[in-house]
PDB file of all heavy atoms in Angstrom:
ATOM      1  N   THR A   1      12.874  -1.529  -7.880  1.00  0.00           N
ATOM      2  CA  THR A   1      13.579  -2.600  -8.585  1.00  0.00           C
ATOM      3  C   THR A   1      13.645  -2.270 -10.058  1.00  0.00           C
ATOM      4  O   THR A   1      12.596  -2.030 -10.708  1.00  0.00           O
ATOM      5  CB  THR A   1      12.839  -3.947  -8.403  1.00  0.00           C
ATOM      6  OG1 THR A   1      12.743  -4.251  -6.990  1.00  0.00           O
ATOM      7  CG2 THR A   1      13.592  -5.071  -9.109  1.00  0.00           C
ATOM      8  N   GLN A   2      14.861  -2.211 -10.605  1.00  0.00           N
ATOM      9  CA  GLN A   2      15.061  -1.881 -12.005  1.00  0.00           C
ATOM     10  C   GLN A   2      15.921  -2.974 -12.649  1.00  0.00           C
ATOM     11  O   GLN A   2      16.985  -3.295 -12.141  1.00  0.00           O
ATOM     12  CB  GLN A   2      15.712  -0.521 -12.163  1.00  0.00           C
ATOM     13  CG  GLN A   2      14.966   0.625 -11.503  1.00  0.00           C
ATOM     14  CD  GLN A   2      15.619   1.972 -11.750  1.00  0.00           C
ATOM     15  OE1 GLN A   2      16.071   2.289 -12.847  1.00  0.00           O
ATOM     16  NE2 GLN A   2      15.671   2.793 -10.692  1.00  0.00           N
ATOM     17  N   LEU A   3      15.451  -3.523 -13.789  1.00  0.00           N
ATOM     18  CA  LEU A   3      16.173  -4.540 -14.512  1.00  0.00           C
ATOM     19  C   LEU A   3      16.584  -4.021 -15.881  1.00  0.00           C
ATOM     20  O   LEU A   3      15.790  -3.347 -16.570  1.00  0.00           O
ATOM     21  CB  LEU A   3      15.312  -5.805 -14.702  1.00  0.00           C
ATOM     22  CG  LEU A   3      15.426  -6.891 -13.628  1.00  0.00           C
ATOM     23  CD1 LEU A   3      14.814  -6.406 -12.314  1.00  0.00           C
ATOM     24  CD2 LEU A   3      14.749  -8.161 -14.097  1.00  0.00           C
ATOM     25  N   HIS A   4      17.823  -4.348 -16.249  1.00  0.00           N
ATOM     26  CA  HIS A   4      18.372  -3.960 -17.563  1.00  0.00           C
ATOM     27  C   HIS A   4      18.811  -5.248 -18.246  1.00  0.00           C
ATOM     28  O   HIS A   4      19.807  -5.870 -17.852  1.00  0.00           O
ATOM     29  CB  HIS A   4      19.557  -3.017 -17.330  1.00  0.00           C
ATOM     30  CG  HIS A   4      19.912  -2.191 -18.525  1.00  0.00           C
ATOM     31  ND1 HIS A   4      18.998  -1.441 -19.221  1.00  0.00           N
ATOM     32  CD2 HIS A   4      21.109  -1.980 -19.129  1.00  0.00           C
ATOM     33  CE1 HIS A   4      19.611  -0.794 -20.196  1.00  0.00           C
ATOM     34  NE2 HIS A   4      20.891  -1.102 -20.165  1.00  0.00           N
ATOM     35  N   VAL A   5      18.060  -5.656 -19.265  1.00  0.00           N
ATOM     36  CA  VAL A   5      18.315  -6.912 -19.949  1.00  0.00           C
ATOM     37  C   VAL A   5      19.188  -6.644 -21.172  1.00  0.00           C
ATOM     38  O   VAL A   5      18.812  -5.838 -22.040  1.00  0.00           O
ATOM     39  CB  VAL A   5      16.996  -7.597 -20.372  1.00  0.00           C
ATOM     40  CG1 VAL A   5      17.282  -8.865 -21.144  1.00  0.00           C
ATOM     41  CG2 VAL A   5      16.143  -7.887 -19.147  1.00  0.00           C
ATOM     42  N   LEU A   6      20.337  -7.297 -21.238  1.00  0.00           N
ATOM     43  CA  LEU A   6      21.289  -7.114 -22.322  1.00  0.00           C
ATOM     44  C   LEU A   6      21.717  -8.475 -22.860  1.00  0.00           C
ATOM     45  O   LEU A   6      21.535  -9.502 -22.179  1.00  0.00           O
ATOM     46  CB  LEU A   6      22.517  -6.353 -21.829  1.00  0.00           C
ATOM     47  CG  LEU A   6      22.294  -4.930 -21.293  1.00  0.00           C
ATOM     48  CD1 LEU A   6      23.549  -4.424 -20.598  1.00  0.00           C
ATOM     49  CD2 LEU A   6      21.881  -4.007 -22.440  1.00  0.00           C
ATOM     50  N   PRO A   7      22.303  -8.527 -24.050  1.00  0.00           N
ATOM     51  CA  PRO A   7      22.830  -9.809 -24.565  1.00  0.00           C
ATOM     52  C   PRO A   7      23.887 -10.410 -23.653  1.00  0.00           C
ATOM     53  O   PRO A   7      24.091 -11.636 -23.639  1.00  0.00           O
ATOM     54  CB  PRO A   7      23.408  -9.433 -25.923  1.00  0.00           C
ATOM     55  CG  PRO A   7      22.658  -8.206 -26.339  1.00  0.00           C
ATOM     56  CD  PRO A   7      22.393  -7.462 -25.083  1.00  0.00           C
ATOM     57  N   THR A   8      24.534  -9.586 -22.865  1.00  0.00           N
ATOM     58  CA  THR A   8      25.591 -10.059 -21.968  1.00  0.00           C
ATOM     59  C   THR A   8      25.051 -10.523 -20.620  1.00  0.00           C
ATOM     60  O   THR A   8      25.822 -10.994 -19.770  1.00  0.00           O
ATOM     61  CB  THR A   8      26.639  -8.972 -21.751  1.00  0.00           C
ATOM     62  OG1 THR A   8      25.963  -7.793 -21.263  1.00  0.00           O
ATOM     63  CG2 THR A   8      27.360  -8.641 -23.040  1.00  0.00           C
ATOM     64  N   GLY A   9      23.774 -10.374 -20.384  1.00  0.00           N
ATOM     65  CA  GLY A   9      23.197 -10.784 -19.115  1.00  0.00           C
ATOM     66  C   GLY A   9      22.177  -9.770 -18.595  1.00  0.00           C
ATOM     67  O   GLY A   9      21.756  -8.854 -19.311  1.00  0.00           O
ATOM     68  N   VAL A  10      21.788  -9.934 -17.348  1.00  0.00           N
ATOM     69  CA  VAL A  10      20.797  -9.083 -16.709  1.00  0.00           C
ATOM     70  C   VAL A  10      21.408  -8.332 -15.553  1.00  0.00           C
ATOM     71  O   VAL A  10      22.104  -8.927 -14.708  1.00  0.00           O
ATOM     72  CB  VAL A  10      19.576  -9.923 -16.208  1.00  0.00           C
ATOM     73  CG1 VAL A  10      18.555  -9.021 -15.518  1.00  0.00           C
ATOM     74  CG2 VAL A  10      18.942 -10.683 -17.360  1.00  0.00           C
ATOM     75  N   GLU A  11      21.179  -7.025 -15.525  1.00  0.00           N
ATOM     76  CA  GLU A  11      21.622  -6.203 -14.403  1.00  0.00           C
ATOM     77  C   GLU A  11      20.392  -5.824 -13.594  1.00  0.00           C
ATOM     78  O   GLU A  11      19.424  -5.285 -14.142  1.00  0.00           O
ATOM     79  CB  GLU A  11      22.316  -4.934 -14.925  1.00  0.00           C
ATOM     80  CG  GLU A  11      23.562  -5.253 -15.743  1.00  0.00           C
ATOM     81  CD  GLU A  11      24.135  -4.047 -16.462  1.00  0.00           C
ATOM     82  OE1 GLU A  11      23.445  -3.003 -16.504  1.00  0.00           O
ATOM     83  OE2 GLU A  11      25.252  -4.156 -16.998  1.00  0.00           O
ATOM     84  N   THR A  12      20.425  -6.108 -12.301  1.00  0.00           N
ATOM     85  CA  THR A  12      19.276  -5.851 -11.424  1.00  0.00           C
ATOM     86  C   THR A  12      19.661  -4.856 -10.342  1.00  0.00           C
ATOM     87  O   THR A  12      20.499  -5.154  -9.488  1.00  0.00           O
ATOM     88  CB  THR A  12      18.782  -7.155 -10.755  1.00  0.00           C
ATOM     89  OG1 THR A  12      18.452  -8.117 -11.784  1.00  0.00           O
ATOM     90  CG2 THR A  12      17.547  -6.897  -9.917  1.00  0.00           C
ATOM     91  N   TYR A  13      19.053  -3.705 -10.408  1.00  0.00           N
ATOM     92  CA  TYR A  13      19.294  -2.652  -9.416  1.00  0.00           C
ATOM     93  C   TYR A  13      18.159  -2.672  -8.410  1.00  0.00           C
ATOM     94  O   TYR A  13      16.984  -2.645  -8.760  1.00  0.00           O
ATOM     95  CB  TYR A  13      19.355  -1.285 -10.113  1.00  0.00           C
ATOM     96  CG  TYR A  13      19.420  -0.107  -9.178  1.00  0.00           C
ATOM     97  CD1 TYR A  13      20.628   0.322  -8.616  1.00  0.00           C
ATOM     98  CD2 TYR A  13      18.251   0.613  -8.859  1.00  0.00           C
ATOM     99  CE1 TYR A  13      20.683   1.416  -7.772  1.00  0.00           C
ATOM    100  CE2 TYR A  13      18.286   1.705  -8.016  1.00  0.00           C
ATOM    101  CZ  TYR A  13      19.513   2.112  -7.467  1.00  0.00           C
ATOM    102  OH  TYR A  13      19.563   3.177  -6.614  1.00  0.00           O
ATOM    103  N   THR A  14      18.512  -2.739  -7.128  1.00  0.00           N
ATOM    104  CA  THR A  14      17.508  -2.761  -6.063  1.00  0.00           C
ATOM    105  C   THR A  14      17.867  -1.677  -5.040  1.00  0.00           C
ATOM    106  O   THR A  14      19.015  -1.586  -4.598  1.00  0.00           O
ATOM    107  CB  THR A  14      17.489  -4.116  -5.344  1.00  0.00           C
ATOM    108  OG1 THR A  14      17.231  -5.145  -6.308  1.00  0.00           O
ATOM    109  CG2 THR A  14      16.386  -4.158  -4.281  1.00  0.00           C
ATOM    110  N   ALA A  15      16.886  -0.848  -4.704  1.00  0.00           N
ATOM    111  CA  ALA A  15      17.100   0.215  -3.744  1.00  0.00           C
ATOM    112  C   ALA A  15      15.857   0.381  -2.883  1.00  0.00           C
ATOM    113  O   ALA A  15      14.713   0.171  -3.342  1.00  0.00           O
ATOM    114  CB  ALA A  15      17.429   1.536  -4.435  1.00  0.00           C
ATOM    115  N   TYR A  16      16.082   0.741  -1.617  1.00  0.00           N
ATOM    116  CA  TYR A  16      14.938   0.981  -0.746  1.00  0.00           C
ATOM    117  C   TYR A  16      15.329   1.988   0.347  1.00  0.00           C
ATOM    118  O   TYR A  16      16.514   2.148   0.674  1.00  0.00           O
ATOM    119  CB  TYR A  16      14.413  -0.319  -0.118  1.00  0.00           C
ATOM    120  CG  TYR A  16      15.397  -1.035   0.769  1.00  0.00           C
ATOM    121  CD1 TYR A  16      15.512  -0.741   2.133  1.00  0.00           C
ATOM    122  CD2 TYR A  16      16.228  -2.051   0.255  1.00  0.00           C
ATOM    123  CE1 TYR A  16      16.409  -1.409   2.956  1.00  0.00           C
ATOM    124  CE2 TYR A  16      17.115  -2.728   1.063  1.00  0.00           C
ATOM    125  CZ  TYR A  16      17.213  -2.392   2.402  1.00  0.00           C
ATOM    126  OH  TYR A  16      18.100  -3.070   3.216  1.00  0.00           O
ATOM    127  N   ARG A  17      14.301   2.623   0.850  1.00  0.00           N
ATOM    128  CA  ARG A  17      14.473   3.520   1.977  1.00  0.00           C
ATOM    129  C   ARG A  17      13.332   3.212   2.948  1.00  0.00           C
ATOM    130  O   ARG A  17      12.154   3.246   2.578  1.00  0.00           O
ATOM    131  CB  ARG A  17      14.416   4.981   1.556  1.00  0.00           C
ATOM    132  CG  ARG A  17      14.657   5.995   2.676  1.00  0.00           C
ATOM    133  CD  ARG A  17      14.889   7.371   2.104  1.00  0.00           C
ATOM    134  NE  ARG A  17      15.000   8.399   3.146  1.00  0.00           N
ATOM    135  CZ  ARG A  17      15.375   9.666   2.920  1.00  0.00           C
ATOM    136  NH1 ARG A  17      15.666  10.041   1.664  1.00  0.00           N
ATOM    137  NH2 ARG A  17      15.435  10.541   3.901  1.00  0.00           N
ATOM    138  N   VAL A  18      13.708   2.889   4.197  1.00  0.00           N
ATOM    139  CA  VAL A  18      12.716   2.433   5.161  1.00  0.00           C
ATOM    140  C   VAL A  18      12.925   3.176   6.465  1.00  0.00           C
ATOM    141  O   VAL A  18      14.062   3.382   6.901  1.00  0.00           O
ATOM    142  CB  VAL A  18      12.793   0.905   5.348  1.00  0.00           C
ATOM    143  CG1 VAL A  18      14.166   0.489   5.840  1.00  0.00           C
ATOM    144  CG2 VAL A  18      11.709   0.398   6.280  1.00  0.00           C
ATOM    145  N   ARG A  19      11.821   3.574   7.105  1.00  0.00           N
ATOM    146  CA  ARG A  19      11.878   4.258   8.393  1.00  0.00           C
ATOM    147  C   ARG A  19      11.624   3.222   9.495  1.00  0.00           C
ATOM    148  O   ARG A  19      10.652   2.472   9.456  1.00  0.00           O
ATOM    149  CB  ARG A  19      10.855   5.372   8.456  1.00  0.00           C
ATOM    150  CG  ARG A  19      10.879   6.154   9.781  1.00  0.00           C
ATOM    151  CD  ARG A  19       9.881   7.305   9.775  1.00  0.00           C
ATOM    152  NE  ARG A  19      10.238   8.317   8.782  1.00  0.00           N
ATOM    153  CZ  ARG A  19       9.440   8.667   7.765  1.00  0.00           C
ATOM    154  NH1 ARG A  19       8.280   8.063   7.607  1.00  0.00           N
ATOM    155  NH2 ARG A  19       9.819   9.585   6.907  1.00  0.00           N
ATOM    156  N   ILE A  20      12.517   3.202  10.476  1.00  0.00           N
ATOM    157  CA  ILE A  20      12.394   2.265  11.594  1.00  0.00           C
ATOM    158  C   ILE A  20      11.488   2.901  12.652  1.00  0.00           C
ATOM    159  O   ILE A  20      11.832   3.935  13.237  1.00  0.00           O
ATOM    160  CB  ILE A  20      13.777   1.954  12.202  1.00  0.00           C
ATOM    161  CG1 ILE A  20      14.747   1.484  11.102  1.00  0.00           C
ATOM    162  CG2 ILE A  20      13.661   0.919  13.295  1.00  0.00           C
ATOM    163  CD1 ILE A  20      14.338   0.234  10.398  1.00  0.00           C
ATOM    164  N   LEU A  21      10.340   2.268  12.917  1.00  0.00           N
ATOM    165  CA  LEU A  21       9.343   2.848  13.821  1.00  0.00           C
ATOM    166  C   LEU A  21       9.266   2.130  15.172  1.00  0.00           C
ATOM    167  O   LEU A  21       8.842   2.735  16.166  1.00  0.00           O
ATOM    168  CB  LEU A  21       7.962   2.820  13.175  1.00  0.00           C
ATOM    169  CG  LEU A  21       7.839   3.553  11.831  1.00  0.00           C
ATOM    170  CD1 LEU A  21       6.455   3.377  11.256  1.00  0.00           C
ATOM    171  CD2 LEU A  21       8.143   5.038  12.009  1.00  0.00           C
ATOM    172  N   LYS A  22       9.674   0.880  15.233  1.00  0.00           N
ATOM    173  CA  LYS A  22       9.572   0.102  16.451  1.00  0.00           C
ATOM    174  C   LYS A  22      10.850  -0.694  16.644  1.00  0.00           C
ATOM    175  O   LYS A  22      11.561  -1.010  15.665  1.00  0.00           O
ATOM    176  CB  LYS A  22       8.386  -0.874  16.375  1.00  0.00           C
ATOM    177  CG  LYS A  22       7.006  -0.202  16.219  1.00  0.00           C
ATOM    178  CD  LYS A  22       6.559   0.459  17.510  1.00  0.00           C
ATOM    179  CE  LYS A  22       5.142   1.008  17.330  1.00  0.00           C
ATOM    180  NZ  LYS A  22       4.670   1.672  18.561  1.00  0.00           N
ATOM    181  N   PRO A  23      11.179  -1.079  17.896  1.00  0.00           N
ATOM    182  CA  PRO A  23      12.405  -1.850  18.133  1.00  0.00           C
ATOM    183  C   PRO A  23      12.477  -3.151  17.327  1.00  0.00           C
ATOM    184  O   PRO A  23      13.542  -3.571  16.917  1.00  0.00           O
ATOM    185  CB  PRO A  23      12.371  -2.120  19.631  1.00  0.00           C
ATOM    186  CG  PRO A  23      11.565  -1.001  20.195  1.00  0.00           C
ATOM    187  CD  PRO A  23      10.515  -0.684  19.162  1.00  0.00           C
ATOM    188  N   GLU A  24      11.308  -3.787  17.112  1.00  0.00           N
ATOM    189  CA  GLU A  24      11.327  -5.056  16.398  1.00  0.00           C
ATOM    190  C   GLU A  24      11.765  -4.907  14.944  1.00  0.00           C
ATOM    191  O   GLU A  24      12.120  -5.897  14.285  1.00  0.00           O
ATOM    192  CB  GLU A  24       9.969  -5.738  16.470  1.00  0.00           C
ATOM    193  CG  GLU A  24       8.793  -4.866  16.025  1.00  0.00           C
ATOM    194  CD  GLU A  24       8.086  -4.202  17.195  1.00  0.00           C
ATOM    195  OE1 GLU A  24       8.801  -3.789  18.132  1.00  0.00           O
ATOM    196  OE2 GLU A  24       6.854  -4.110  17.169  1.00  0.00           O
ATOM    197  N   ALA A  25      11.761  -3.699  14.409  1.00  0.00           N
ATOM    198  CA  ALA A  25      12.198  -3.478  13.031  1.00  0.00           C
ATOM    199  C   ALA A  25      13.707  -3.200  12.932  1.00  0.00           C
ATOM    200  O   ALA A  25      14.247  -3.093  11.839  1.00  0.00           O
ATOM    201  CB  ALA A  25      11.425  -2.325  12.399  1.00  0.00           C
ATOM    202  N   LEU A  26      14.402  -3.118  14.064  1.00  0.00           N
ATOM    203  CA  LEU A  26      15.823  -2.850  14.017  1.00  0.00           C
ATOM    204  C   LEU A  26      16.605  -3.987  13.344  1.00  0.00           C
ATOM    205  O   LEU A  26      17.736  -3.802  12.908  1.00  0.00           O
ATOM    206  CB  LEU A  26      16.369  -2.632  15.450  1.00  0.00           C
ATOM    207  CG  LEU A  26      15.999  -1.295  16.096  1.00  0.00           C
ATOM    208  CD1 LEU A  26      16.393  -1.308  17.552  1.00  0.00           C
ATOM    209  CD2 LEU A  26      16.660  -0.135  15.349  1.00  0.00           C
ATOM    210  N   GLN A  27      15.988  -5.172  13.252  1.00  0.00           N
ATOM    211  CA  GLN A  27      16.634  -6.272  12.577  1.00  0.00           C
ATOM    212  C   GLN A  27      16.858  -5.984  11.095  1.00  0.00           C
ATOM    213  O   GLN A  27      17.634  -6.667  10.423  1.00  0.00           O
ATOM    214  CB  GLN A  27      15.792  -7.540  12.723  1.00  0.00           C
ATOM    215  CG  GLN A  27      14.409  -7.443  12.103  1.00  0.00           C
ATOM    216  CD  GLN A  27      13.587  -8.698  12.362  1.00  0.00           C
ATOM    217  OE1 GLN A  27      14.113  -9.731  12.727  1.00  0.00           O
ATOM    218  NE2 GLN A  27      12.283  -8.593  12.159  1.00  0.00           N
ATOM    219  N   MET A  28      16.213  -4.968  10.566  1.00  0.00           N
ATOM    220  CA  MET A  28      16.454  -4.581   9.187  1.00  0.00           C
ATOM    221  C   MET A  28      17.862  -4.029   8.996  1.00  0.00           C
ATOM    222  O   MET A  28      18.321  -3.847   7.860  1.00  0.00           O
ATOM    223  CB  MET A  28      15.402  -3.559   8.712  1.00  0.00           C
ATOM    224  CG  MET A  28      13.983  -4.069   8.767  1.00  0.00           C
ATOM    225  SD  MET A  28      12.782  -2.880   8.195  1.00  0.00           S
ATOM    226  CE  MET A  28      12.422  -3.490   6.575  1.00  0.00           C
ATOM    227  N   GLY A  29      18.527  -3.776  10.103  1.00  0.00           N
ATOM    228  CA  GLY A  29      19.925  -3.350  10.030  1.00  0.00           C
ATOM    229  C   GLY A  29      20.878  -4.487   9.740  1.00  0.00           C
ATOM    230  O   GLY A  29      22.085  -4.261   9.581  1.00  0.00           O
ATOM    231  N   HIS A  30      20.350  -5.722   9.673  1.00  0.00           N
ATOM    232  CA  HIS A  30      21.160  -6.865   9.219  1.00  0.00           C
ATOM    233  C   HIS A  30      20.906  -7.026   7.727  1.00  0.00           C
ATOM    234  O   HIS A  30      19.898  -7.557   7.296  1.00  0.00           O
ATOM    235  CB  HIS A  30      20.760  -8.121   9.981  1.00  0.00           C
ATOM    236  CG  HIS A  30      21.465  -9.363   9.500  1.00  0.00           C
ATOM    237  ND1 HIS A  30      22.829  -9.487   9.484  1.00  0.00           N
ATOM    238  CD2 HIS A  30      20.981 -10.530   9.008  1.00  0.00           C
ATOM    239  CE1 HIS A  30      23.163 -10.670   9.020  1.00  0.00           C
ATOM    240  NE2 HIS A  30      22.040 -11.319   8.725  1.00  0.00           N
ATOM    241  N   ILE A  31      21.820  -6.564   6.901  1.00  0.00           N
ATOM    242  CA  ILE A  31      21.669  -6.527   5.456  1.00  0.00           C
ATOM    243  C   ILE A  31      22.446  -7.680   4.835  1.00  0.00           C
ATOM    244  O   ILE A  31      23.620  -7.913   5.166  1.00  0.00           O
ATOM    245  CB  ILE A  31      22.179  -5.197   4.869  1.00  0.00           C
ATOM    246  CG1 ILE A  31      21.452  -4.007   5.526  1.00  0.00           C
ATOM    247  CG2 ILE A  31      21.991  -5.159   3.356  1.00  0.00           C
ATOM    248  CD1 ILE A  31      22.028  -2.664   5.153  1.00  0.00           C
ATOM    249  N   THR A  32      21.812  -8.451   3.974  1.00  0.00           N
ATOM    250  CA  THR A  32      22.482  -9.537   3.267  1.00  0.00           C
ATOM    251  C   THR A  32      22.250  -9.392   1.762  1.00  0.00           C
ATOM    252  O   THR A  32      21.216  -8.888   1.312  1.00  0.00           O
ATOM    253  CB  THR A  32      21.955 -10.901   3.729  1.00  0.00           C
ATOM    254  OG1 THR A  32      20.563 -11.012   3.445  1.00  0.00           O
ATOM    255  CG2 THR A  32      22.186 -11.105   5.215  1.00  0.00           C
ATOM    256  N   LEU A  33      23.214  -9.868   1.024  1.00  0.00           N
ATOM    257  CA  LEU A  33      23.158  -9.839  -0.428  1.00  0.00           C
ATOM    258  C   LEU A  33      23.742 -11.172  -0.915  1.00  0.00           C
ATOM    259  O   LEU A  33      24.886 -11.506  -0.592  1.00  0.00           O
ATOM    260  CB  LEU A  33      23.974  -8.670  -0.971  1.00  0.00           C
ATOM    261  CG  LEU A  33      23.941  -8.384  -2.466  1.00  0.00           C
ATOM    262  CD1 LEU A  33      22.523  -8.033  -2.892  1.00  0.00           C
ATOM    263  CD2 LEU A  33      24.879  -7.234  -2.805  1.00  0.00           C
ATOM    264  N   THR A  34      22.958 -11.948  -1.654  1.00  0.00           N
ATOM    265  CA  THR A  34      23.384 -13.278  -2.086  1.00  0.00           C
ATOM    266  C   THR A  34      23.448 -13.364  -3.591  1.00  0.00           C
ATOM    267  O   THR A  34      22.548 -12.879  -4.306  1.00  0.00           O
ATOM    268  CB  THR A  34      22.405 -14.356  -1.545  1.00  0.00           C
ATOM    269  OG1 THR A  34      22.380 -14.305  -0.116  1.00  0.00           O
ATOM    270  CG2 THR A  34      22.826 -15.742  -1.969  1.00  0.00           C
ATOM    271  N   TRP A  35      24.524 -13.976  -4.110  1.00  0.00           N
ATOM    272  CA  TRP A  35      24.668 -14.133  -5.550  1.00  0.00           C
ATOM    273  C   TRP A  35      25.491 -15.376  -5.870  1.00  0.00           C
ATOM    274  O   TRP A  35      26.178 -15.916  -5.032  1.00  0.00           O
ATOM    275  CB  TRP A  35      25.314 -12.876  -6.166  1.00  0.00           C
ATOM    276  CG  TRP A  35      26.804 -12.735  -5.898  1.00  0.00           C
ATOM    277  CD1 TRP A  35      27.827 -13.035  -6.748  1.00  0.00           C
ATOM    278  CD2 TRP A  35      27.421 -12.246  -4.705  1.00  0.00           C
ATOM    279  NE1 TRP A  35      29.051 -12.763  -6.155  1.00  0.00           N
ATOM    280  CE2 TRP A  35      28.815 -12.278  -4.912  1.00  0.00           C
ATOM    281  CE3 TRP A  35      26.928 -11.809  -3.468  1.00  0.00           C
ATOM    282  CZ2 TRP A  35      29.737 -11.874  -3.932  1.00  0.00           C
ATOM    283  CZ3 TRP A  35      27.840 -11.404  -2.489  1.00  0.00           C
ATOM    284  CH2 TRP A  35      29.206 -11.442  -2.730  1.00  0.00           C
ATOM    285  N   ASP A  36      25.403 -15.790  -7.119  1.00  0.00           N
ATOM    286  CA  ASP A  36      26.154 -16.950  -7.604  1.00  0.00           C
ATOM    287  C   ASP A  36      27.384 -16.449  -8.354  1.00  0.00           C
ATOM    288  O   ASP A  36      27.266 -15.843  -9.413  1.00  0.00           O
ATOM    289  CB  ASP A  36      25.277 -17.767  -8.549  1.00  0.00           C
ATOM    290  CG  ASP A  36      25.980 -18.990  -9.105  1.00  0.00           C
ATOM    291  OD1 ASP A  36      27.171 -19.181  -8.813  1.00  0.00           O
ATOM    292  OD2 ASP A  36      25.340 -19.751  -9.868  1.00  0.00           O
ATOM    293  N   PRO A  37      28.579 -16.657  -7.818  1.00  0.00           N
ATOM    294  CA  PRO A  37      29.774 -16.118  -8.446  1.00  0.00           C
ATOM    295  C   PRO A  37      30.097 -16.773  -9.795  1.00  0.00           C
ATOM    296  O   PRO A  37      30.886 -16.202 -10.564  1.00  0.00           O
ATOM    297  CB  PRO A  37      30.880 -16.410  -7.428  1.00  0.00           C
ATOM    298  CG  PRO A  37      30.409 -17.571  -6.649  1.00  0.00           C
ATOM    299  CD  PRO A  37      28.904 -17.410  -6.570  1.00  0.00           C
ATOM    300  N   SER A  38      29.511 -17.910 -10.095  1.00  0.00           N
ATOM    301  CA  SER A  38      29.770 -18.539 -11.383  1.00  0.00           C
ATOM    302  C   SER A  38      28.958 -17.878 -12.484  1.00  0.00           C
ATOM    303  O   SER A  38      29.226 -18.118 -13.679  1.00  0.00           O
ATOM    304  CB  SER A  38      29.423 -20.026 -11.330  1.00  0.00           C
ATOM    305  OG  SER A  38      28.039 -20.230 -11.236  1.00  0.00           O
ATOM    306  N   SER A  39      27.978 -17.045 -12.126  1.00  0.00           N
ATOM    307  CA  SER A  39      27.139 -16.435 -13.137  1.00  0.00           C
ATOM    308  C   SER A  39      27.082 -14.915 -13.040  1.00  0.00           C
ATOM    309  O   SER A  39      26.422 -14.269 -13.879  1.00  0.00           O
ATOM    310  CB  SER A  39      25.711 -16.992 -13.067  1.00  0.00           C
ATOM    311  OG  SER A  39      25.121 -16.699 -11.833  1.00  0.00           O
ATOM    312  N   GLY A  40      27.734 -14.298 -12.053  1.00  0.00           N
ATOM    313  CA  GLY A  40      27.667 -12.861 -11.961  1.00  0.00           C
ATOM    314  C   GLY A  40      28.379 -12.299 -10.751  1.00  0.00           C
ATOM    315  O   GLY A  40      29.143 -12.980 -10.082  1.00  0.00           O
TER     316      GLY A  40
END
């Protein structure tokens, strides 16, 4: 997680790498990203 704070706002970079070891972890293939369009 990397944050860049500027006078114009905050930029948040998120990255991950995960190894799937069991069938129950396959749900990690459902990726969601939520944001407020009025602010970014």
